[in-house]
Amino acid sequence: MGKISDQKNFKSINLTKFKFFIFKLRINRLAGDTLKLFSSKFDSLGTRKYNQKFPKFNIKEINERIEKFRKILKIENKLQCILLADRTIIIRKV
């Protein structure tokens, strides 16, 4: 049994293919950056998609749920719900 270095278990790297691969990655990155630049200018035209992962809060529905939650847990303190942004709320006791 010989040394590992004596055995030919590896393939040489084809530098032409590697250079072409790197060149293709650079072109894809340039195209992506260009598209991002142009798409950000046209967001005001209504191309923005609805964010379904985090929908906007309905403050009335949240208040109803907080009241139900308060009654179930028998919390005597009044809880207040404040809408900070479209998708951010703060719940605190009054």
N, C-alpha and C. Protein backbone atom coordinates (compact mmCIF):
# COMPACT_ATOMS: atom_id res chain seq x y z
N MET A 1 0.84 -1.17 0.00
CA MET A 1 0.00 0.00 0.00
C MET A 1 0.89 1.24 0.00
N GLY A 2 0.62 2.14 -0.94
CA GLY A 2 1.46 3.31 -1.08
C GLY A 2 0.91 4.52 -0.35
N LYS A 3 1.58 5.60 -0.52
CA LYS A 3 1.16 6.85 0.09
C LYS A 3 -0.04 7.43 -0.66
N ILE A 4 -0.75 8.30 0.00
CA ILE A 4 -1.91 8.95 -0.62
C ILE A 4 -1.46 9.80 -1.80
N SER A 5 -0.30 10.43 -1.67
CA SER A 5 0.18 11.30 -2.74
C SER A 5 0.58 10.51 -3.99
N ASP A 6 0.84 9.21 -3.85
CA ASP A 6 1.19 8.39 -5.00
C ASP A 6 -0.04 8.04 -5.83
N GLN A 7 -1.22 8.04 -5.21
CA GLN A 7 -2.43 7.66 -5.92
C GLN A 7 -2.99 8.87 -6.67
N LYS A 8 -3.60 8.63 -7.82
CA LYS A 8 -4.18 9.70 -8.63
C LYS A 8 -5.70 9.73 -8.43
N ASN A 9 -6.15 10.23 -7.27
CA ASN A 9 -7.58 10.29 -6.95
C ASN A 9 -8.18 11.67 -7.16
N PHE A 10 -7.46 12.57 -7.75
CA PHE A 10 -7.95 13.92 -7.92
C PHE A 10 -7.95 14.30 -9.40
N LYS A 11 -8.79 15.27 -9.73
CA LYS A 11 -8.85 15.78 -11.10
C LYS A 11 -8.26 17.17 -11.12
N SER A 12 -7.62 17.51 -12.20
CA SER A 12 -7.07 18.85 -12.31
C SER A 12 -8.20 19.84 -12.58
N ILE A 13 -8.00 21.07 -12.20
CA ILE A 13 -9.01 22.11 -12.37
C ILE A 13 -8.91 22.68 -13.78
N ASN A 14 -10.06 22.77 -14.43
CA ASN A 14 -10.11 23.39 -15.75
C ASN A 14 -10.26 24.89 -15.54
N LEU A 15 -9.17 25.65 -15.71
CA LEU A 15 -9.18 27.08 -15.42
C LEU A 15 -10.07 27.85 -16.38
N THR A 16 -10.21 27.39 -17.59
CA THR A 16 -11.07 28.09 -18.54
C THR A 16 -12.52 28.04 -18.08
N LYS A 17 -12.98 26.88 -17.64
CA LYS A 17 -14.35 26.75 -17.13
C LYS A 17 -14.53 27.58 -15.86
N PHE A 18 -13.52 27.59 -15.00
CA PHE A 18 -13.61 28.34 -13.76
C PHE A 18 -13.68 29.84 -14.04
N LYS A 19 -12.86 30.34 -14.95
CA LYS A 19 -12.89 31.76 -15.30
C LYS A 19 -14.24 32.14 -15.93
N PHE A 20 -14.78 31.26 -16.77
CA PHE A 20 -16.08 31.51 -17.37
C PHE A 20 -17.17 31.55 -16.30
N PHE A 21 -17.09 30.67 -15.31
CA PHE A 21 -18.05 30.63 -14.22
C PHE A 21 -18.00 31.92 -13.41
N ILE A 22 -16.81 32.40 -13.09
CA ILE A 22 -16.65 33.66 -12.36
C ILE A 22 -17.19 34.83 -13.18
N PHE A 23 -16.92 34.84 -14.48
CA PHE A 23 -17.42 35.88 -15.37
C PHE A 23 -18.95 35.89 -15.40
N LYS A 24 -19.55 34.71 -15.46
CA LYS A 24 -21.01 34.58 -15.46
C LYS A 24 -21.59 35.10 -14.14
N LEU A 25 -20.95 34.81 -13.01
CA LEU A 25 -21.42 35.30 -11.72
C LEU A 25 -21.39 36.83 -11.68
N ARG A 26 -20.33 37.42 -12.22
CA ARG A 26 -20.23 38.89 -12.23
C ARG A 26 -21.32 39.51 -13.09
N ILE A 27 -21.62 38.90 -14.24
CA ILE A 27 -22.68 39.42 -15.11
C ILE A 27 -24.03 39.30 -14.41
N ASN A 28 -24.29 38.18 -13.77
CA ASN A 28 -25.56 38.00 -13.05
C ASN A 28 -25.71 39.01 -11.92
N ARG A 29 -24.61 39.27 -11.20
CA ARG A 29 -24.67 40.25 -10.12
C ARG A 29 -24.93 41.66 -10.68
N LEU A 30 -24.27 42.00 -11.77
CA LEU A 30 -24.47 43.31 -12.39
C LEU A 30 -25.92 43.45 -12.88
N ALA A 31 -26.46 42.40 -13.51
CA ALA A 31 -27.84 42.45 -13.98
C ALA A 31 -28.81 42.58 -12.81
N GLY A 32 -28.57 41.85 -11.73
CA GLY A 32 -29.43 41.93 -10.56
C GLY A 32 -29.40 43.30 -9.92
N ASP A 33 -28.21 43.89 -9.80
CA ASP A 33 -28.09 45.23 -9.23
C ASP A 33 -28.80 46.26 -10.10
N THR A 34 -28.70 46.12 -11.42
CA THR A 34 -29.36 47.03 -12.35
C THR A 34 -30.87 46.91 -12.22
N LEU A 35 -31.38 45.70 -12.16
CA LEU A 35 -32.82 45.51 -12.02
C LEU A 35 -33.33 46.06 -10.69
N LYS A 36 -32.56 45.90 -9.61
CA LYS A 36 -32.97 46.44 -8.32
C LYS A 36 -33.02 47.96 -8.38
N LEU A 37 -32.07 48.56 -9.08
CA LEU A 37 -32.03 50.01 -9.20
C LEU A 37 -33.26 50.52 -9.94
N PHE A 38 -33.60 49.87 -11.07
CA PHE A 38 -34.76 50.31 -11.84
C PHE A 38 -36.07 49.99 -11.15
N SER A 39 -36.15 48.85 -10.47
CA SER A 39 -37.41 48.49 -9.82
C SER A 39 -37.71 49.41 -8.64
N SER A 40 -36.68 49.92 -7.97
CA SER A 40 -36.93 50.83 -6.85
C SER A 40 -37.49 52.16 -7.33
N LYS A 41 -37.21 52.55 -8.56
CA LYS A 41 -37.73 53.81 -9.09
C LYS A 41 -39.20 53.70 -9.47
N PHE A 42 -39.66 52.49 -9.77
CA PHE A 42 -41.03 52.30 -10.23
C PHE A 42 -41.95 51.74 -9.15
N ASP A 43 -41.51 51.70 -7.90
CA ASP A 43 -42.37 51.21 -6.81
C ASP A 43 -43.60 52.07 -6.63
N SER A 44 -43.49 53.35 -6.92
CA SER A 44 -44.62 54.25 -6.71
C SER A 44 -45.71 54.05 -7.75
N LEU A 45 -45.45 53.25 -8.78
CA LEU A 45 -46.45 53.02 -9.82
C LEU A 45 -47.39 51.87 -9.50
N GLY A 46 -47.29 51.30 -8.33
CA GLY A 46 -48.21 50.24 -7.93
C GLY A 46 -47.67 48.86 -8.19
N THR A 47 -46.37 48.69 -8.36
CA THR A 47 -45.81 47.37 -8.59
C THR A 47 -45.47 46.65 -7.30
N ARG A 48 -45.61 47.33 -6.17
CA ARG A 48 -45.30 46.72 -4.88
C ARG A 48 -46.34 45.65 -4.57
N LYS A 49 -45.87 44.49 -4.17
CA LYS A 49 -46.78 43.39 -3.87
C LYS A 49 -47.27 43.49 -2.43
N TYR A 50 -48.41 42.89 -2.19
CA TYR A 50 -48.99 42.85 -0.85
C TYR A 50 -48.18 41.88 0.00
N ASN A 51 -47.76 42.30 1.15
CA ASN A 51 -46.98 41.48 2.06
C ASN A 51 -47.92 40.58 2.86
N GLN A 52 -48.06 39.33 2.44
CA GLN A 52 -48.99 38.43 3.10
C GLN A 52 -48.37 37.73 4.29
N LYS A 53 -47.05 37.78 4.41
CA LYS A 53 -46.41 37.13 5.54
C LYS A 53 -46.72 37.90 6.83
N PHE A 54 -46.70 39.22 6.77
CA PHE A 54 -47.03 40.06 7.90
C PHE A 54 -48.10 41.06 7.48
N PRO A 55 -49.37 40.67 7.57
CA PRO A 55 -50.44 41.60 7.16
C PRO A 55 -50.58 42.75 8.15
N LYS A 56 -51.22 43.82 7.71
CA LYS A 56 -51.44 44.97 8.56
C LYS A 56 -52.43 44.61 9.66
N PHE A 57 -52.26 45.23 10.83
CA PHE A 57 -53.15 44.97 11.96
C PHE A 57 -54.44 45.77 11.83
N ASN A 58 -55.53 45.13 12.25
CA ASN A 58 -56.80 45.82 12.39
C ASN A 58 -56.95 46.12 13.87
N ILE A 59 -56.89 47.39 14.24
CA ILE A 59 -56.84 47.78 15.65
C ILE A 59 -58.11 47.37 16.41
N LYS A 60 -59.26 47.39 15.74
CA LYS A 60 -60.51 46.97 16.41
C LYS A 60 -60.48 45.49 16.73
N GLU A 61 -60.01 44.70 15.79
CA GLU A 61 -59.93 43.26 16.00
C GLU A 61 -58.93 42.93 17.11
N ILE A 62 -57.82 43.63 17.14
CA ILE A 62 -56.82 43.40 18.19
C ILE A 62 -57.39 43.75 19.56
N ASN A 63 -58.10 44.88 19.66
CA ASN A 63 -58.71 45.26 20.94
C ASN A 63 -59.72 44.23 21.42
N GLU A 64 -60.52 43.67 20.50
CA GLU A 64 -61.48 42.64 20.86
C GLU A 64 -60.77 41.39 21.39
N ARG A 65 -59.71 41.01 20.74
CA ARG A 65 -58.96 39.83 21.17
C ARG A 65 -58.29 40.05 22.52
N ILE A 66 -57.80 41.26 22.75
CA ILE A 66 -57.17 41.56 24.04
C ILE A 66 -58.20 41.50 25.15
N GLU A 67 -59.39 42.02 24.90
CA GLU A 67 -60.45 41.96 25.92
C GLU A 67 -60.84 40.52 26.21
N LYS A 68 -60.97 39.72 25.17
CA LYS A 68 -61.31 38.30 25.36
C LYS A 68 -60.21 37.59 26.15
N PHE A 69 -58.96 37.88 25.81
CA PHE A 69 -57.81 37.31 26.48
C PHE A 69 -57.78 37.72 27.96
N ARG A 70 -58.09 38.99 28.22
CA ARG A 70 -58.12 39.52 29.59
C ARG A 70 -59.20 38.83 30.42
N LYS A 71 -60.37 38.60 29.82
CA LYS A 71 -61.46 37.94 30.54
C LYS A 71 -61.15 36.47 30.82
N ILE A 72 -60.54 35.81 29.85
CA ILE A 72 -60.21 34.38 30.04
C ILE A 72 -59.18 34.21 31.16
N LEU A 73 -58.18 35.07 31.19
CA LEU A 73 -57.14 34.96 32.22
C LEU A 73 -57.50 35.67 33.52
N LYS A 74 -58.67 36.30 33.53
CA LYS A 74 -59.16 37.02 34.70
C LYS A 74 -58.16 38.07 35.18
N ILE A 75 -57.70 38.86 34.24
CA ILE A 75 -56.79 39.97 34.54
C ILE A 75 -57.65 41.17 34.90
N GLU A 76 -57.43 41.72 36.09
CA GLU A 76 -58.26 42.83 36.55
C GLU A 76 -57.81 44.18 35.98
N ASN A 77 -56.55 44.30 35.65
CA ASN A 77 -56.04 45.57 35.11
C ASN A 77 -56.54 45.79 33.68
N LYS A 78 -56.75 47.02 33.33
CA LYS A 78 -57.16 47.37 31.98
C LYS A 78 -55.92 47.33 31.08
N LEU A 79 -56.04 46.70 29.91
CA LEU A 79 -54.94 46.63 28.96
C LEU A 79 -55.19 47.60 27.81
N GLN A 80 -54.12 48.27 27.40
CA GLN A 80 -54.23 49.26 26.33
C GLN A 80 -53.41 48.79 25.14
N CYS A 81 -53.98 48.94 23.95
CA CYS A 81 -53.31 48.55 22.72
C CYS A 81 -53.06 49.80 21.89
N ILE A 82 -51.80 50.04 21.53
CA ILE A 82 -51.42 51.21 20.74
C ILE A 82 -50.78 50.73 19.44
N LEU A 83 -51.25 51.27 18.34
CA LEU A 83 -50.70 50.93 17.03
C LEU A 83 -49.52 51.85 16.74
N LEU A 84 -48.31 51.28 16.71
CA LEU A 84 -47.11 52.08 16.47
C LEU A 84 -46.85 52.27 14.98
N ALA A 85 -47.10 51.22 14.19
CA ALA A 85 -46.92 51.28 12.74
C ALA A 85 -47.93 50.31 12.13
N ASP A 86 -47.87 50.11 10.83
CA ASP A 86 -48.82 49.21 10.17
C ASP A 86 -48.76 47.79 10.71
N ARG A 87 -47.56 47.35 11.09
CA ARG A 87 -47.38 45.97 11.52
C ARG A 87 -46.75 45.87 12.91
N THR A 88 -46.87 46.93 13.71
CA THR A 88 -46.28 46.96 15.04
C THR A 88 -47.28 47.51 16.05
N ILE A 89 -47.47 46.75 17.13
CA ILE A 89 -48.36 47.22 18.19
C ILE A 89 -47.65 47.10 19.52
N ILE A 90 -48.15 47.83 20.50
CA ILE A 90 -47.65 47.70 21.87
C ILE A 90 -48.88 47.48 22.77
N ILE A 91 -48.76 46.50 23.63
CA ILE A 91 -49.84 46.18 24.57
C ILE A 91 -49.28 46.39 25.96
N ARG A 92 -49.96 47.23 26.73
CA ARG A 92 -49.49 47.52 28.10
C ARG A 92 -50.68 47.71 29.01
N LYS A 93 -50.43 47.55 30.30
CA LYS A 93 -51.51 47.77 31.25
C LYS A 93 -51.58 49.26 31.62
N VAL A 94 -52.81 49.69 31.88
CA VAL A 94 -53.05 51.10 32.17
C VAL A 94 -53.04 51.30 33.66
